[in-house]
Amino acid sequence: GIYIGEGNVIHFTAGGGQGGSSSSLSKSSSNPCPSCGHRPSNNGLKSSCLACFLNSGTLLRYRYGVSDAYLSSEGPGGHCTCTKSYPPETVVRRAIFFLENGYPDYDLVNNNCEDFALYCKKG
């Protein structure tokens, strides 16, 4: 997901029974979150509060622009890269643009939550 500020995250999830999801929001639509109301769009992107996004899970941050030394000392794990990210305002603007204008359909292998976040961060 992309944190956009003020406790809100835009994230991409599988819809309509497609496998996989970046988070599993457990509250039903009959009992929406008082903070975010689970404002899903009809294109697989969702805007929710950080608490609903995490769904009692742990926040993990993917780090961009780390040094080669840091990368080699951390070993494999998929949590960082030497590649730099666009500035935060560009990343947030992209995520909001896709939320408002649509994003291609979710595909577990070729277009998933990680692909969405990477596209927002790196283009």
N, C-alpha and C. Protein backbone atom coordinates (compact mmCIF):
# COMPACT_ATOMS: atom_id res chain seq x y z
N GLY A 1 0.82 -1.19 0.00
CA GLY A 1 0.00 0.00 0.00
C GLY A 1 0.86 1.24 0.00
N ILE A 2 0.26 2.35 -0.37
CA ILE A 2 0.92 3.64 -0.38
C ILE A 2 0.27 4.52 0.69
N TYR A 3 1.08 4.89 1.68
CA TYR A 3 0.60 5.78 2.73
C TYR A 3 0.49 7.18 2.14
N ILE A 4 -0.70 7.79 2.21
CA ILE A 4 -0.91 9.09 1.58
C ILE A 4 -1.03 10.22 2.60
N GLY A 5 -0.86 9.90 3.86
CA GLY A 5 -0.92 10.92 4.90
C GLY A 5 -2.21 10.88 5.69
N GLU A 6 -2.19 11.56 6.84
CA GLU A 6 -3.36 11.67 7.72
C GLU A 6 -3.98 10.31 8.05
N GLY A 7 -3.14 9.29 8.18
CA GLY A 7 -3.61 7.97 8.58
C GLY A 7 -4.28 7.16 7.49
N ASN A 8 -4.12 7.54 6.23
CA ASN A 8 -4.79 6.86 5.12
C ASN A 8 -3.81 6.15 4.19
N VAL A 9 -4.26 5.01 3.65
CA VAL A 9 -3.46 4.17 2.76
C VAL A 9 -4.30 3.85 1.52
N ILE A 10 -3.68 3.93 0.35
CA ILE A 10 -4.32 3.43 -0.87
C ILE A 10 -3.63 2.11 -1.19
N HIS A 11 -4.44 1.08 -1.38
CA HIS A 11 -3.88 -0.25 -1.65
C HIS A 11 -4.74 -0.99 -2.65
N PHE A 12 -4.15 -1.97 -3.26
CA PHE A 12 -4.76 -2.71 -4.36
C PHE A 12 -5.07 -4.12 -3.88
N THR A 13 -6.31 -4.53 -4.07
CA THR A 13 -6.71 -5.87 -3.63
C THR A 13 -7.47 -6.58 -4.74
N ALA A 14 -7.48 -7.88 -4.64
CA ALA A 14 -8.25 -8.70 -5.57
C ALA A 14 -9.73 -8.48 -5.27
N GLY A 15 -10.51 -8.38 -6.30
CA GLY A 15 -11.95 -8.23 -6.14
C GLY A 15 -12.67 -9.35 -6.85
N GLY A 16 -13.92 -9.53 -6.53
CA GLY A 16 -14.76 -10.48 -7.24
C GLY A 16 -14.29 -11.91 -7.18
N GLY A 17 -13.71 -12.34 -6.03
CA GLY A 17 -13.32 -13.72 -5.88
C GLY A 17 -11.99 -14.09 -6.47
N GLN A 18 -11.24 -13.12 -6.98
CA GLN A 18 -9.92 -13.42 -7.51
C GLN A 18 -8.99 -13.69 -6.34
N GLY A 19 -8.06 -14.60 -6.50
CA GLY A 19 -7.16 -14.96 -5.41
C GLY A 19 -6.22 -13.84 -5.03
N GLY A 20 -5.82 -13.84 -3.77
CA GLY A 20 -4.80 -12.91 -3.30
C GLY A 20 -5.37 -11.58 -2.90
N SER A 21 -4.64 -10.89 -2.04
CA SER A 21 -5.06 -9.60 -1.55
C SER A 21 -3.92 -8.97 -0.78
N SER A 22 -3.80 -7.65 -0.85
CA SER A 22 -2.75 -6.98 -0.08
C SER A 22 -3.12 -6.88 1.38
N SER A 23 -4.37 -6.94 1.68
CA SER A 23 -4.82 -6.99 3.06
C SER A 23 -6.22 -7.56 3.04
N SER A 24 -6.63 -8.15 4.13
CA SER A 24 -7.98 -8.69 4.19
C SER A 24 -8.75 -7.90 5.22
N LEU A 25 -9.53 -6.96 4.74
CA LEU A 25 -10.31 -6.12 5.63
C LEU A 25 -11.46 -6.94 6.16
N SER A 26 -11.48 -7.15 7.47
CA SER A 26 -12.40 -8.11 8.04
C SER A 26 -13.76 -7.53 8.38
N LYS A 27 -13.89 -6.22 8.46
CA LYS A 27 -15.17 -5.64 8.83
C LYS A 27 -16.13 -5.71 7.66
N SER A 28 -17.38 -5.99 7.93
CA SER A 28 -18.35 -6.09 6.86
C SER A 28 -18.88 -4.71 6.49
N SER A 29 -19.51 -4.61 5.32
CA SER A 29 -20.04 -3.33 4.88
C SER A 29 -21.20 -2.89 5.75
N SER A 30 -21.85 -3.80 6.48
CA SER A 30 -22.94 -3.41 7.37
C SER A 30 -22.42 -2.79 8.66
N ASN A 31 -21.14 -2.95 8.92
CA ASN A 31 -20.53 -2.36 10.11
C ASN A 31 -19.21 -1.69 9.69
N PRO A 32 -19.31 -0.57 8.93
CA PRO A 32 -18.08 0.03 8.40
C PRO A 32 -17.23 0.66 9.49
N CYS A 33 -15.97 0.81 9.20
CA CYS A 33 -15.02 1.46 10.10
C CYS A 33 -15.45 2.91 10.32
N PRO A 34 -15.51 3.36 11.55
CA PRO A 34 -15.90 4.75 11.79
C PRO A 34 -14.87 5.75 11.28
N SER A 35 -13.62 5.32 11.10
CA SER A 35 -12.58 6.23 10.61
C SER A 35 -12.59 6.38 9.10
N CYS A 36 -12.71 5.25 8.39
CA CYS A 36 -12.58 5.32 6.93
C CYS A 36 -13.80 4.82 6.19
N GLY A 37 -14.65 4.05 6.83
CA GLY A 37 -15.84 3.53 6.17
C GLY A 37 -15.55 2.58 5.03
N HIS A 38 -14.31 2.09 4.94
CA HIS A 38 -13.90 1.20 3.85
C HIS A 38 -14.40 1.73 2.52
N ARG A 39 -13.79 2.81 2.09
CA ARG A 39 -14.22 3.48 0.86
C ARG A 39 -13.65 2.78 -0.37
N PRO A 40 -14.15 1.60 -0.70
CA PRO A 40 -13.58 0.92 -1.86
C PRO A 40 -14.02 1.58 -3.16
N SER A 41 -13.15 1.61 -4.12
CA SER A 41 -13.54 2.02 -5.46
C SER A 41 -13.92 0.76 -6.20
N ASN A 42 -14.46 0.91 -7.39
CA ASN A 42 -14.89 -0.28 -8.12
C ASN A 42 -13.80 -0.82 -9.03
N ASN A 43 -12.55 -0.42 -8.82
CA ASN A 43 -11.49 -0.87 -9.71
C ASN A 43 -10.41 -1.67 -9.00
N GLY A 44 -10.66 -2.12 -7.76
CA GLY A 44 -9.68 -2.91 -7.04
C GLY A 44 -8.81 -2.09 -6.11
N LEU A 45 -8.76 -0.76 -6.31
CA LEU A 45 -8.03 0.10 -5.39
C LEU A 45 -8.96 0.49 -4.25
N LYS A 46 -8.38 0.58 -3.06
CA LYS A 46 -9.15 0.95 -1.90
C LYS A 46 -8.40 2.02 -1.12
N SER A 47 -9.15 2.91 -0.54
CA SER A 47 -8.59 3.88 0.39
C SER A 47 -9.13 3.52 1.75
N SER A 48 -8.25 3.31 2.70
CA SER A 48 -8.69 2.95 4.04
C SER A 48 -7.74 3.55 5.06
N CYS A 49 -8.16 3.51 6.32
CA CYS A 49 -7.28 3.98 7.38
C CYS A 49 -6.18 2.93 7.58
N LEU A 50 -5.10 3.36 8.20
CA LEU A 50 -3.97 2.47 8.41
C LEU A 50 -4.36 1.25 9.25
N ALA A 51 -5.22 1.44 10.24
CA ALA A 51 -5.64 0.32 11.10
C ALA A 51 -6.37 -0.74 10.28
N CYS A 52 -7.27 -0.32 9.39
CA CYS A 52 -7.99 -1.30 8.56
C CYS A 52 -7.05 -1.96 7.56
N PHE A 53 -6.13 -1.19 6.99
CA PHE A 53 -5.16 -1.77 6.06
C PHE A 53 -4.33 -2.85 6.74
N LEU A 54 -3.87 -2.57 7.95
CA LEU A 54 -3.05 -3.54 8.67
C LEU A 54 -3.85 -4.73 9.17
N ASN A 55 -5.13 -4.50 9.49
CA ASN A 55 -6.01 -5.58 9.96
C ASN A 55 -5.33 -6.41 11.06
N SER A 56 -4.80 -5.73 12.06
CA SER A 56 -4.11 -6.34 13.20
C SER A 56 -2.77 -6.96 12.82
N GLY A 57 -2.31 -6.73 11.62
CA GLY A 57 -1.00 -7.23 11.20
C GLY A 57 0.10 -6.24 11.54
N THR A 58 1.28 -6.54 11.07
CA THR A 58 2.45 -5.72 11.34
C THR A 58 2.79 -4.86 10.13
N LEU A 59 3.15 -3.61 10.37
CA LEU A 59 3.56 -2.72 9.30
C LEU A 59 4.99 -3.06 8.89
N LEU A 60 5.19 -3.30 7.61
CA LEU A 60 6.52 -3.54 7.05
C LEU A 60 6.77 -2.48 5.99
N ARG A 61 7.90 -1.80 6.08
CA ARG A 61 8.24 -0.78 5.10
C ARG A 61 9.29 -1.32 4.15
N TYR A 62 9.09 -1.08 2.87
CA TYR A 62 10.07 -1.43 1.85
C TYR A 62 10.95 -0.21 1.69
N ARG A 63 12.25 -0.37 1.82
CA ARG A 63 13.18 0.75 1.77
C ARG A 63 13.80 0.87 0.38
N TYR A 64 13.83 2.10 -0.13
CA TYR A 64 14.42 2.40 -1.43
C TYR A 64 15.70 3.20 -1.22
N GLY A 65 16.64 3.07 -2.17
CA GLY A 65 17.85 3.86 -2.15
C GLY A 65 18.84 3.50 -1.05
N VAL A 66 18.83 2.24 -0.60
CA VAL A 66 19.80 1.83 0.41
C VAL A 66 21.16 1.62 -0.26
N SER A 67 22.20 1.65 0.52
CA SER A 67 23.55 1.44 -0.01
C SER A 67 23.75 -0.04 -0.35
N ASP A 68 24.74 -0.30 -1.21
CA ASP A 68 25.10 -1.68 -1.53
C ASP A 68 25.53 -2.43 -0.26
N ALA A 69 26.25 -1.74 0.63
CA ALA A 69 26.70 -2.36 1.88
C ALA A 69 25.51 -2.78 2.74
N TYR A 70 24.52 -1.91 2.85
CA TYR A 70 23.33 -2.24 3.64
C TYR A 70 22.60 -3.42 3.01
N LEU A 71 22.43 -3.36 1.71
CA LEU A 71 21.73 -4.42 1.00
C LEU A 71 22.41 -5.76 1.21
N SER A 72 23.73 -5.81 1.09
CA SER A 72 24.44 -7.09 1.25
C SER A 72 24.46 -7.54 2.71
N SER A 73 24.44 -6.62 3.66
CA SER A 73 24.45 -7.02 5.07
C SER A 73 23.10 -7.56 5.52
N GLU A 74 22.02 -7.12 4.88
CA GLU A 74 20.69 -7.58 5.25
C GLU A 74 20.35 -8.93 4.63
N GLY A 75 21.02 -9.29 3.57
CA GLY A 75 20.75 -10.57 2.92
C GLY A 75 19.42 -10.57 2.21
N PRO A 76 19.01 -11.73 1.70
CA PRO A 76 17.74 -11.80 0.99
C PRO A 76 16.58 -11.58 1.95
N GLY A 77 15.51 -11.12 1.43
CA GLY A 77 14.34 -10.90 2.26
C GLY A 77 13.32 -10.02 1.58
N GLY A 78 13.72 -9.37 0.50
CA GLY A 78 12.75 -8.60 -0.27
C GLY A 78 12.21 -7.38 0.43
N HIS A 79 13.01 -6.73 1.28
CA HIS A 79 12.49 -5.58 2.00
C HIS A 79 13.21 -4.28 1.67
N CYS A 80 14.16 -4.31 0.73
CA CYS A 80 14.86 -3.09 0.36
C CYS A 80 15.51 -3.25 -1.01
N THR A 81 15.89 -2.09 -1.58
CA THR A 81 16.54 -2.06 -2.88
C THR A 81 17.46 -0.85 -2.96
N CYS A 82 18.47 -0.95 -3.79
CA CYS A 82 19.37 0.19 -4.05
C CYS A 82 18.68 1.23 -4.94
N THR A 83 17.67 0.80 -5.69
CA THR A 83 16.95 1.69 -6.59
C THR A 83 16.26 2.80 -5.80
N LYS A 84 16.34 4.01 -6.31
CA LYS A 84 15.71 5.14 -5.65
C LYS A 84 14.24 5.24 -6.04
N SER A 85 13.46 5.80 -5.15
CA SER A 85 12.04 6.05 -5.37
C SER A 85 11.85 7.49 -5.82
N TYR A 86 10.73 7.76 -6.48
CA TYR A 86 10.34 9.13 -6.74
C TYR A 86 10.06 9.83 -5.41
N PRO A 87 10.05 11.15 -5.38
CA PRO A 87 9.74 11.87 -4.14
C PRO A 87 8.33 11.50 -3.63
N PRO A 88 8.14 11.56 -2.32
CA PRO A 88 6.84 11.17 -1.75
C PRO A 88 5.64 11.86 -2.38
N GLU A 89 5.76 13.14 -2.71
CA GLU A 89 4.60 13.83 -3.29
C GLU A 89 4.23 13.26 -4.66
N THR A 90 5.21 12.81 -5.42
CA THR A 90 4.94 12.17 -6.72
C THR A 90 4.27 10.82 -6.52
N VAL A 91 4.76 10.05 -5.55
CA VAL A 91 4.21 8.73 -5.26
C VAL A 91 2.74 8.86 -4.83
N VAL A 92 2.47 9.78 -3.92
CA VAL A 92 1.10 9.99 -3.43
C VAL A 92 0.21 10.46 -4.56
N ARG A 93 0.69 11.39 -5.37
CA ARG A 93 -0.11 11.90 -6.49
C ARG A 93 -0.48 10.77 -7.45
N ARG A 94 0.46 9.86 -7.73
CA ARG A 94 0.15 8.72 -8.60
C ARG A 94 -0.91 7.82 -8.00
N ALA A 95 -0.76 7.49 -6.72
CA ALA A 95 -1.72 6.60 -6.06
C ALA A 95 -3.12 7.21 -6.09
N ILE A 96 -3.23 8.49 -5.79
CA ILE A 96 -4.53 9.17 -5.81
C ILE A 96 -5.09 9.21 -7.23
N PHE A 97 -4.23 9.48 -8.21
CA PHE A 97 -4.68 9.50 -9.60
C PHE A 97 -5.33 8.16 -9.98
N PHE A 98 -4.65 7.06 -9.66
CA PHE A 98 -5.20 5.75 -10.00
C PHE A 98 -6.47 5.43 -9.22
N LEU A 99 -6.55 5.85 -7.97
CA LEU A 99 -7.77 5.64 -7.19
C LEU A 99 -8.95 6.35 -7.86
N GLU A 100 -8.71 7.55 -8.32
CA GLU A 100 -9.78 8.35 -8.92
C GLU A 100 -10.09 7.99 -10.36
N ASN A 101 -9.10 7.48 -11.10
CA ASN A 101 -9.27 7.27 -12.54
C ASN A 101 -9.23 5.82 -13.00
N GLY A 102 -8.97 4.91 -12.09
CA GLY A 102 -8.94 3.50 -12.45
C GLY A 102 -7.53 2.96 -12.62
N TYR A 103 -7.43 1.68 -12.46
CA TYR A 103 -6.18 0.95 -12.55
C TYR A 103 -6.50 -0.41 -13.15
N PRO A 104 -5.61 -1.01 -13.94
CA PRO A 104 -5.93 -2.31 -14.55
C PRO A 104 -6.37 -3.36 -13.52
N ASP A 105 -7.09 -4.34 -14.00
CA ASP A 105 -7.62 -5.38 -13.13
C ASP A 105 -6.52 -6.13 -12.39
N TYR A 106 -6.88 -6.58 -11.20
CA TYR A 106 -5.96 -7.36 -10.36
C TYR A 106 -5.65 -8.69 -11.01
N ASP A 107 -4.39 -9.07 -10.98
CA ASP A 107 -3.95 -10.39 -11.42
C ASP A 107 -2.87 -10.82 -10.44
N LEU A 108 -3.06 -11.93 -9.79
CA LEU A 108 -2.16 -12.39 -8.73
C LEU A 108 -0.70 -12.44 -9.18
N VAL A 109 -0.45 -12.80 -10.42
CA VAL A 109 0.92 -12.97 -10.91
C VAL A 109 1.44 -11.71 -11.60
N ASN A 110 0.63 -11.09 -12.45
CA ASN A 110 1.12 -10.02 -13.32
C ASN A 110 0.74 -8.60 -12.91
N ASN A 111 -0.21 -8.41 -12.02
CA ASN A 111 -0.65 -7.07 -11.64
C ASN A 111 -1.28 -7.14 -10.25
N ASN A 112 -0.43 -7.22 -9.24
CA ASN A 112 -0.92 -7.39 -7.88
C ASN A 112 -0.59 -6.18 -7.02
N CYS A 113 -0.81 -6.28 -5.73
CA CYS A 113 -0.61 -5.17 -4.82
C CYS A 113 0.84 -4.67 -4.83
N GLU A 114 1.79 -5.55 -4.94
CA GLU A 114 3.19 -5.14 -4.99
C GLU A 114 3.49 -4.39 -6.29
N ASP A 115 2.93 -4.85 -7.41
CA ASP A 115 3.11 -4.16 -8.68
C ASP A 115 2.57 -2.74 -8.61
N PHE A 116 1.39 -2.57 -7.99
CA PHE A 116 0.81 -1.23 -7.84
C PHE A 116 1.74 -0.32 -7.04
N ALA A 117 2.21 -0.80 -5.90
CA ALA A 117 3.08 0.01 -5.05
C ALA A 117 4.39 0.35 -5.77
N LEU A 118 4.98 -0.64 -6.44
CA LEU A 118 6.23 -0.39 -7.17
C LEU A 118 6.03 0.62 -8.30
N TYR A 119 4.90 0.54 -9.00
CA TYR A 119 4.65 1.49 -10.06
C TYR A 119 4.51 2.91 -9.51
N CYS A 120 3.83 3.04 -8.39
CA CYS A 120 3.69 4.35 -7.77
C CYS A 120 5.05 4.88 -7.31
N LYS A 121 5.89 4.01 -6.76
CA LYS A 121 7.18 4.42 -6.21
C LYS A 121 8.25 4.66 -7.29
N LYS A 122 8.27 3.82 -8.34
CA LYS A 122 9.38 3.87 -9.28
C LYS A 122 8.96 4.13 -10.73
N GLY A 123 7.69 4.09 -11.01
CA GLY A 123 7.24 4.28 -12.38
C GLY A 123 7.28 3.02 -13.20
